Amino acid sequence: MAAAGVYWWLQMENEVTYVRYEEFGIDMPVNYDLHGIDVSKFQGNINWEAVRQMQVDKINFSFAFIKATEGITRQDRKFKRNWRLSKKAGMVRGAYHFFYATRDPIQQARNFRNTVSLEKGDLPPVLDIEVHNNQSPAVIRSMAKIWLEEMENIYGVKPIIYTNIRFYDTYLGKDFDEYPLWVAHYYQKEKPRIHRKWLFWQHSDIGHVNGIRGEVDFNVFRSDSSSLIELCLP
């Protein structure tokens, strides 16, 4: 079935055009060439070949962020399967760590390092930082910096930060503007309004794609395929 011809034009500082695609179950921002998903154990056993092969109009999925670890002891039980099969299907893959500012950041970094084998062509490690655990901004900034610097020492690239606009502005701020940003911003038909540049935008948490039962997060990459490759580990 062809995509429904329902359009929204938003005349803003940064215009974004949405098109309703019944195949994906959501309105898609079509100003971008590169689309991706992020997944964890909650998506179950994913058929990565079906994900990669799905195409509607010019939209297909070329990259994926996969949950690897959480805190100092937890590993996502679907990570190894997702990590292996996403690459086999031809996806550019990235792994993320769910961070707690109340846990030792070096031990959290060690958990990630011991779980994830990043290779040439993989995206940099991702710090998923979105809960404050009743910690002050100063504490959160200090703990996050330790994890980020440890990852950079290990892999030789700057990690990516994943968070939402409010958390970034409240708890991180300009001290972290040097790191690539993956920003969560959905339920509003507009680009993320934040003082700094972002590279990835998580624009929906209710998308549908072949190969996955139920809902999944959808993302776009701000630039082109050559820029995506340049971002990856050499």
C-alpha atoms as a PDB file:
ATOM      1  CA  MET A   1       0.000   0.000   0.000  1.00  0.00           C
ATOM      2  CA  ALA A   2       1.339   3.422  -0.913  1.00  0.00           C
ATOM      3  CA  ALA A   3       2.004   5.901   1.830  1.00  0.00           C
ATOM      4  CA  ALA A   4      -0.908   8.073   2.807  1.00  0.00           C
ATOM      5  CA  GLY A   5      -0.659  11.546   1.387  1.00  0.00           C
ATOM      6  CA  VAL A   6      -1.099  13.511   4.574  1.00  0.00           C
ATOM      7  CA  TYR A   7       1.419  16.324   5.024  1.00  0.00           C
ATOM      8  CA  TRP A   8       2.275  18.849   7.670  1.00  0.00           C
ATOM      9  CA  TRP A   9       4.455  21.820   6.870  1.00  0.00           C
ATOM     10  CA  LEU A  10       5.748  23.606   9.924  1.00  0.00           C
ATOM     11  CA  GLN A  11       7.116  27.040   9.209  1.00  0.00           C
ATOM     12  CA  MET A  12       9.692  27.388  11.934  1.00  0.00           C
ATOM     13  CA  GLU A  13      13.294  28.435  12.338  1.00  0.00           C
ATOM     14  CA  ASN A  14      14.166  24.907  11.210  1.00  0.00           C
ATOM     15  CA  GLU A  15      11.390  23.589   9.001  1.00  0.00           C
ATOM     16  CA  VAL A  16      10.517  19.918   9.188  1.00  0.00           C
ATOM     17  CA  THR A  17       8.072  18.082   6.964  1.00  0.00           C
ATOM     18  CA  TYR A  18       6.072  15.120   8.238  1.00  0.00           C
ATOM     19  CA  VAL A  19       4.366  12.457   6.152  1.00  0.00           C
ATOM     20  CA  ARG A  20       1.986   9.876   7.547  1.00  0.00           C
ATOM     21  CA  TYR A  21       3.090   6.329   6.732  1.00  0.00           C
ATOM     22  CA  GLU A  22       0.611   3.665   7.754  1.00  0.00           C
ATOM     23  CA  GLU A  23       3.334   1.056   7.202  1.00  0.00           C
ATOM     24  CA  PHE A  24       5.333   2.593  10.055  1.00  0.00           C
ATOM     25  CA  GLY A  25       2.279   3.596  12.064  1.00  0.00           C
ATOM     26  CA  ILE A  26       3.520   7.145  12.633  1.00  0.00           C
ATOM     27  CA  ASP A  27       4.207  10.498  11.009  1.00  0.00           C
ATOM     28  CA  MET A  28       7.781  10.457   9.686  1.00  0.00           C
ATOM     29  CA  PRO A  29      10.091  13.492   9.329  1.00  0.00           C
ATOM     30  CA  VAL A  30      11.055  13.138   5.683  1.00  0.00           C
ATOM     31  CA  ASN A  31      13.741  15.833   5.545  1.00  0.00           C
ATOM     32  CA  TYR A  32      16.347  13.192   6.402  1.00  0.00           C
ATOM     33  CA  ASP A  33      17.962  10.479   4.316  1.00  0.00           C
ATOM     34  CA  LEU A  34      19.148   8.168   7.098  1.00  0.00           C
ATOM     35  CA  HIS A  35      16.728   6.452   9.452  1.00  0.00           C
ATOM     36  CA  GLY A  36      17.359   4.038  12.294  1.00  0.00           C
ATOM     37  CA  ILE A  37      15.920   2.320  15.344  1.00  0.00           C
ATOM     38  CA  ASP A  38      17.021   1.653  18.906  1.00  0.00           C
ATOM     39  CA  VAL A  39      16.211  -1.590  20.663  1.00  0.00           C
ATOM     40  CA  SER A  40      16.604  -3.629  23.826  1.00  0.00           C
ATOM     41  CA  LYS A  41      15.302  -6.887  25.293  1.00  0.00           C
ATOM     42  CA  PHE A  42      11.799  -5.449  25.179  1.00  0.00           C
ATOM     43  CA  GLN A  43      11.666  -5.922  21.394  1.00  0.00           C
ATOM     44  CA  GLY A  44      12.192  -9.672  21.805  1.00  0.00           C
ATOM     45  CA  ASN A  45      13.833 -11.712  19.035  1.00  0.00           C
ATOM     46  CA  ILE A  46      14.251  -9.321  16.138  1.00  0.00           C
ATOM     47  CA  ASN A  47      14.340 -10.417  12.507  1.00  0.00           C
ATOM     48  CA  TRP A  48      17.137  -8.078  11.467  1.00  0.00           C
ATOM     49  CA  GLU A  49      17.004  -9.065   7.808  1.00  0.00           C
ATOM     50  CA  ALA A  50      13.362  -7.994   7.688  1.00  0.00           C
ATOM     51  CA  VAL A  51      14.206  -4.698   9.395  1.00  0.00           C
ATOM     52  CA  ARG A  52      16.995  -3.956   6.926  1.00  0.00           C
ATOM     53  CA  GLN A  53      15.001  -4.939   3.849  1.00  0.00           C
ATOM     54  CA  MET A  54      11.877  -2.942   4.645  1.00  0.00           C
ATOM     55  CA  GLN A  55      11.532   0.108   2.419  1.00  0.00           C
ATOM     56  CA  VAL A  56       8.624   2.471   1.903  1.00  0.00           C
ATOM     57  CA  ASP A  57       9.154   5.173  -0.702  1.00  0.00           C
ATOM     58  CA  LYS A  58      12.767   6.203  -0.049  1.00  0.00           C
ATOM     59  CA  ILE A  59      12.732   5.336   3.652  1.00  0.00           C
ATOM     60  CA  ASN A  60      14.632   2.347   4.992  1.00  0.00           C
ATOM     61  CA  PHE A  61      16.621   1.663   8.154  1.00  0.00           C
ATOM     62  CA  SER A  62      20.397   1.778   7.978  1.00  0.00           C
ATOM     63  CA  PHE A  63      21.532   2.119  11.591  1.00  0.00           C
ATOM     64  CA  ALA A  64      20.573   0.780  15.007  1.00  0.00           C
ATOM     65  CA  PHE A  65      21.437   1.565  18.610  1.00  0.00           C
ATOM     66  CA  ILE A  66      21.330  -1.535  20.810  1.00  0.00           C
ATOM     67  CA  LYS A  67      21.152  -1.623  24.580  1.00  0.00           C
ATOM     68  CA  ALA A  68      24.181  -3.400  26.020  1.00  0.00           C
ATOM     69  CA  THR A  69      24.504  -2.642  29.716  1.00  0.00           C
ATOM     70  CA  GLU A  70      22.958  -0.905  32.717  1.00  0.00           C
ATOM     71  CA  GLY A  71      24.664   0.181  35.909  1.00  0.00           C
ATOM     72  CA  ILE A  72      27.599  -1.874  37.161  1.00  0.00           C
ATOM     73  CA  THR A  73      26.273  -5.439  36.814  1.00  0.00           C
ATOM     74  CA  ARG A  74      23.439  -5.674  34.306  1.00  0.00           C
ATOM     75  CA  GLN A  75      23.678  -6.754  30.667  1.00  0.00           C
ATOM     76  CA  ASP A  76      20.743  -6.730  28.279  1.00  0.00           C
ATOM     77  CA  ARG A  77      19.805 -10.362  27.653  1.00  0.00           C
ATOM     78  CA  LYS A  78      19.194  -9.766  23.940  1.00  0.00           C
ATOM     79  CA  PHE A  79      22.360  -7.749  23.339  1.00  0.00           C
ATOM     80  CA  LYS A  80      24.645 -10.472  21.982  1.00  0.00           C
ATOM     81  CA  ARG A  81      21.996 -11.689  19.563  1.00  0.00           C
ATOM     82  CA  ASN A  82      21.095  -8.170  18.415  1.00  0.00           C
ATOM     83  CA  TRP A  83      24.732  -7.155  18.104  1.00  0.00           C
ATOM     84  CA  ARG A  84      25.640 -10.117  15.921  1.00  0.00           C
ATOM     85  CA  LEU A  85      22.572 -10.226  13.695  1.00  0.00           C
ATOM     86  CA  SER A  86      22.275  -6.483  13.107  1.00  0.00           C
ATOM     87  CA  LYS A  87      25.771  -6.435  11.642  1.00  0.00           C
ATOM     88  CA  LYS A  88      25.067  -9.543   9.568  1.00  0.00           C
ATOM     89  CA  ALA A  89      22.026  -7.769   8.114  1.00  0.00           C
ATOM     90  CA  GLY A  90      24.163  -4.792   7.086  1.00  0.00           C
ATOM     91  CA  MET A  91      23.143  -2.276   9.730  1.00  0.00           C
ATOM     92  CA  VAL A  92      25.545   0.316  11.111  1.00  0.00           C
ATOM     93  CA  ARG A  93      25.364  -0.545  14.796  1.00  0.00           C
ATOM     94  CA  GLY A  94      25.970   1.244  18.072  1.00  0.00           C
ATOM     95  CA  ALA A  95      25.794   0.054  21.690  1.00  0.00           C
ATOM     96  CA  TYR A  96      24.489   2.057  24.632  1.00  0.00           C
ATOM     97  CA  HIS A  97      24.879   1.979  28.397  1.00  0.00           C
ATOM     98  CA  PHE A  98      22.095   3.070  30.770  1.00  0.00           C
ATOM     99  CA  PHE A  99      23.839   5.226  33.370  1.00  0.00           C
ATOM    100  CA  TYR A 100      23.187   5.796  37.057  1.00  0.00           C
ATOM    101  CA  ALA A 101      24.858   8.732  38.771  1.00  0.00           C
ATOM    102  CA  THR A 102      24.605   6.790  42.044  1.00  0.00           C
ATOM    103  CA  ARG A 103      26.893   3.991  40.813  1.00  0.00           C
ATOM    104  CA  ASP A 104      30.681   4.011  40.372  1.00  0.00           C
ATOM    105  CA  PRO A 105      31.269   5.299  36.816  1.00  0.00           C
ATOM    106  CA  ILE A 106      34.504   3.326  36.375  1.00  0.00           C
ATOM    107  CA  GLN A 107      32.710   0.090  37.244  1.00  0.00           C
ATOM    108  CA  GLN A 108      29.920   1.068  34.853  1.00  0.00           C
ATOM    109  CA  ALA A 109      32.504   1.675  32.135  1.00  0.00           C
ATOM    110  CA  ARG A 110      34.060  -1.702  32.895  1.00  0.00           C
ATOM    111  CA  ASN A 111      30.657  -3.367  32.567  1.00  0.00           C
ATOM    112  CA  PHE A 112      30.273  -1.869  29.103  1.00  0.00           C
ATOM    113  CA  ARG A 113      33.824  -2.683  28.013  1.00  0.00           C
ATOM    114  CA  ASN A 114      33.519  -6.303  29.149  1.00  0.00           C
ATOM    115  CA  THR A 115      30.214  -6.728  27.302  1.00  0.00           C
ATOM    116  CA  VAL A 116      30.754  -4.875  24.037  1.00  0.00           C
ATOM    117  CA  SER A 117      33.424  -5.579  21.429  1.00  0.00           C
ATOM    118  CA  LEU A 118      33.404  -2.472  19.276  1.00  0.00           C
ATOM    119  CA  GLU A 119      34.921  -2.944  15.828  1.00  0.00           C
ATOM    120  CA  LYS A 120      35.848  -0.808  12.844  1.00  0.00           C
ATOM    121  CA  GLY A 121      32.653   0.633  11.398  1.00  0.00           C
ATOM    122  CA  ASP A 122      30.721   0.594  14.677  1.00  0.00           C
ATOM    123  CA  LEU A 123      29.345   3.795  16.166  1.00  0.00           C
ATOM    124  CA  PRO A 124      31.050   5.194  19.296  1.00  0.00           C
ATOM    125  CA  PRO A 125      29.851   4.010  22.713  1.00  0.00           C
ATOM    126  CA  VAL A 126      26.694   5.742  23.906  1.00  0.00           C
ATOM    127  CA  LEU A 127      25.986   7.116  27.371  1.00  0.00           C
ATOM    128  CA  ASP A 128      22.239   6.923  27.990  1.00  0.00           C
ATOM    129  CA  ILE A 129      21.794   9.461  30.789  1.00  0.00           C
ATOM    130  CA  GLU A 130      18.217  10.418  31.575  1.00  0.00           C
ATOM    131  CA  VAL A 131      17.590   9.814  35.311  1.00  0.00           C
ATOM    132  CA  HIS A 132      18.902  12.034  38.099  1.00  0.00           C
ATOM    133  CA  ASN A 133      18.375   9.686  41.080  1.00  0.00           C
ATOM    134  CA  ASN A 134      18.012  12.769  43.293  1.00  0.00           C
ATOM    135  CA  GLN A 135      21.582  13.814  42.554  1.00  0.00           C
ATOM    136  CA  SER A 136      22.637  17.411  41.974  1.00  0.00           C
ATOM    137  CA  PRO A 137      23.697  18.668  38.537  1.00  0.00           C
ATOM    138  CA  ALA A 138      27.286  18.980  39.810  1.00  0.00           C
ATOM    139  CA  VAL A 139      27.382  15.341  40.888  1.00  0.00           C
ATOM    140  CA  ILE A 140      25.799  14.134  37.658  1.00  0.00           C
ATOM    141  CA  ARG A 141      28.241  16.136  35.540  1.00  0.00           C
ATOM    142  CA  SER A 142      31.208  14.808  37.497  1.00  0.00           C
ATOM    143  CA  MET A 143      30.108  11.164  37.311  1.00  0.00           C
ATOM    144  CA  ALA A 144      29.183  11.358  33.636  1.00  0.00           C
ATOM    145  CA  LYS A 145      32.533  12.937  32.747  1.00  0.00           C
ATOM    146  CA  ILE A 146      34.386  10.047  34.357  1.00  0.00           C
ATOM    147  CA  TRP A 147      32.477   7.471  32.269  1.00  0.00           C
ATOM    148  CA  LEU A 148      32.876   9.467  29.068  1.00  0.00           C
ATOM    149  CA  GLU A 149      36.591  10.016  29.553  1.00  0.00           C
ATOM    150  CA  GLU A 150      37.147   6.350  30.382  1.00  0.00           C
ATOM    151  CA  MET A 151      35.370   5.324  27.193  1.00  0.00           C
ATOM    152  CA  GLU A 152      37.386   7.791  25.136  1.00  0.00           C
ATOM    153  CA  ASN A 153      40.602   6.427  26.628  1.00  0.00           C
ATOM    154  CA  ILE A 154      39.595   2.875  25.725  1.00  0.00           C
ATOM    155  CA  TYR A 155      38.207   3.384  22.224  1.00  0.00           C
ATOM    156  CA  GLY A 156      39.957   6.547  21.058  1.00  0.00           C
ATOM    157  CA  VAL A 157      36.741   8.324  20.036  1.00  0.00           C
ATOM    158  CA  LYS A 158      34.366  10.664  21.795  1.00  0.00           C
ATOM    159  CA  PRO A 159      31.298   8.818  23.058  1.00  0.00           C
ATOM    160  CA  ILE A 160      27.794   9.864  22.091  1.00  0.00           C
ATOM    161  CA  ILE A 161      25.430  11.264  24.728  1.00  0.00           C
ATOM    162  CA  TYR A 162      21.760  10.243  24.638  1.00  0.00           C
ATOM    163  CA  THR A 163      19.260  12.276  26.642  1.00  0.00           C
ATOM    164  CA  ASN A 164      16.301  14.628  26.341  1.00  0.00           C
ATOM    165  CA  ILE A 165      16.455  18.390  26.038  1.00  0.00           C
ATOM    166  CA  ARG A 166      15.307  19.165  29.565  1.00  0.00           C
ATOM    167  CA  PHE A 167      17.814  16.784  31.157  1.00  0.00           C
ATOM    168  CA  TYR A 168      20.646  18.120  29.012  1.00  0.00           C
ATOM    169  CA  ASP A 169      19.914  21.726  29.862  1.00  0.00           C
ATOM    170  CA  THR A 170      19.350  21.052  33.585  1.00  0.00           C
ATOM    171  CA  TYR A 171      22.033  18.508  34.431  1.00  0.00           C
ATOM    172  CA  LEU A 172      24.677  18.602  31.689  1.00  0.00           C
ATOM    173  CA  GLY A 173      24.838  21.880  29.796  1.00  0.00           C
ATOM    174  CA  LYS A 174      27.662  23.494  27.886  1.00  0.00           C
ATOM    175  CA  ASP A 175      30.372  21.433  29.592  1.00  0.00           C
ATOM    176  CA  PHE A 176      29.241  18.536  27.379  1.00  0.00           C
ATOM    177  CA  ASP A 177      28.784  20.367  24.078  1.00  0.00           C
ATOM    178  CA  GLU A 178      31.947  18.746  22.682  1.00  0.00           C
ATOM    179  CA  TYR A 179      30.285  15.300  22.651  1.00  0.00           C
ATOM    180  CA  PRO A 180      28.054  14.102  19.810  1.00  0.00           C
ATOM    181  CA  LEU A 181      24.417  14.321  20.874  1.00  0.00           C
ATOM    182  CA  TRP A 182      21.547  11.906  20.296  1.00  0.00           C
ATOM    183  CA  VAL A 183      18.470  13.719  21.526  1.00  0.00           C
ATOM    184  CA  ALA A 184      15.075  12.303  22.494  1.00  0.00           C
ATOM    185  CA  HIS A 185      12.247  14.571  21.397  1.00  0.00           C
ATOM    186  CA  TYR A 186       8.846  13.256  20.379  1.00  0.00           C
ATOM    187  CA  TYR A 187       5.090  13.899  20.629  1.00  0.00           C
ATOM    188  CA  GLN A 188       5.759  17.322  19.103  1.00  0.00           C
ATOM    189  CA  LYS A 189       5.964  17.916  15.361  1.00  0.00           C
ATOM    190  CA  GLU A 190       9.093  20.008  15.446  1.00  0.00           C
ATOM    191  CA  LYS A 191      12.830  19.585  15.468  1.00  0.00           C
ATOM    192  CA  PRO A 192      14.546  19.567  18.866  1.00  0.00           C
ATOM    193  CA  ARG A 193      15.015  23.118  20.123  1.00  0.00           C
ATOM    194  CA  ILE A 194      18.323  23.048  21.933  1.00  0.00           C
ATOM    195  CA  HIS A 195      21.226  25.497  22.084  1.00  0.00           C
ATOM    196  CA  ARG A 196      23.695  23.089  20.481  1.00  0.00           C
ATOM    197  CA  LYS A 197      23.908  20.868  17.410  1.00  0.00           C
ATOM    198  CA  TRP A 198      22.557  17.336  17.590  1.00  0.00           C
ATOM    199  CA  LEU A 199      23.499  14.411  15.328  1.00  0.00           C
ATOM    200  CA  PHE A 200      20.746  11.883  16.053  1.00  0.00           C
ATOM    201  CA  TRP A 201      17.107  12.612  16.825  1.00  0.00           C
ATOM    202  CA  GLN A 202      14.844  10.032  18.442  1.00  0.00           C
ATOM    203  CA  HIS A 203      11.559  11.316  17.080  1.00  0.00           C
ATOM    204  CA  SER A 204       9.116   8.554  18.061  1.00  0.00           C
ATOM    205  CA  ASP A 205       8.741   5.715  20.550  1.00  0.00           C
ATOM    206  CA  ILE A 206       5.719   4.099  18.881  1.00  0.00           C
ATOM    207  CA  GLY A 207       6.991   3.160  15.435  1.00  0.00           C
ATOM    208  CA  HIS A 208       6.417  -0.150  13.684  1.00  0.00           C
ATOM    209  CA  VAL A 209       8.818  -1.972  11.377  1.00  0.00           C
ATOM    210  CA  ASN A 210       8.914  -5.376   9.751  1.00  0.00           C
ATOM    211  CA  GLY A 211      10.803  -7.894  11.865  1.00  0.00           C
ATOM    212  CA  ILE A 212       9.768  -6.472  15.247  1.00  0.00           C
ATOM    213  CA  ARG A 213       6.565  -7.244  17.109  1.00  0.00           C
ATOM    214  CA  GLY A 214       5.160  -4.220  18.840  1.00  0.00           C
ATOM    215  CA  GLU A 215       6.458  -0.688  19.049  1.00  0.00           C
ATOM    216  CA  VAL A 216      10.019   0.526  18.627  1.00  0.00           C
ATOM    217  CA  ASP A 217      11.874   3.836  18.807  1.00  0.00           C
ATOM    218  CA  PHE A 218      12.573   5.599  15.488  1.00  0.00           C
ATOM    219  CA  ASN A 219      15.521   7.910  14.840  1.00  0.00           C
ATOM    220  CA  VAL A 220      17.071  10.024  12.118  1.00  0.00           C
ATOM    221  CA  PHE A 221      20.663  11.057  11.468  1.00  0.00           C
ATOM    222  CA  ARG A 222      21.170  14.726  10.732  1.00  0.00           C
ATOM    223  CA  SER A 223      23.679  14.370   7.894  1.00  0.00           C
ATOM    224  CA  ASP A 224      24.537  11.966   5.073  1.00  0.00           C
ATOM    225  CA  SER A 225      25.940   8.454   4.864  1.00  0.00           C
ATOM    226  CA  SER A 226      29.548   9.579   4.499  1.00  0.00           C
ATOM    227  CA  SER A 227      29.248  11.616   7.705  1.00  0.00           C
ATOM    228  CA  LEU A 228      27.764   8.611   9.491  1.00  0.00           C
ATOM    229  CA  ILE A 229      30.735   6.474   8.449  1.00  0.00           C
ATOM    230  CA  GLU A 230      33.170   9.191   9.530  1.00  0.00           C
ATOM    231  CA  LEU A 231      31.576   9.131  12.976  1.00  0.00           C
ATOM    232  CA  CYS A 232      32.243   5.397  13.343  1.00  0.00           C
ATOM    233  CA  LEU A 233      35.350   3.763  14.752  1.00  0.00           C
ATOM    234  CA  PRO A 234      38.214   3.791  12.222  1.00  0.00           C
END
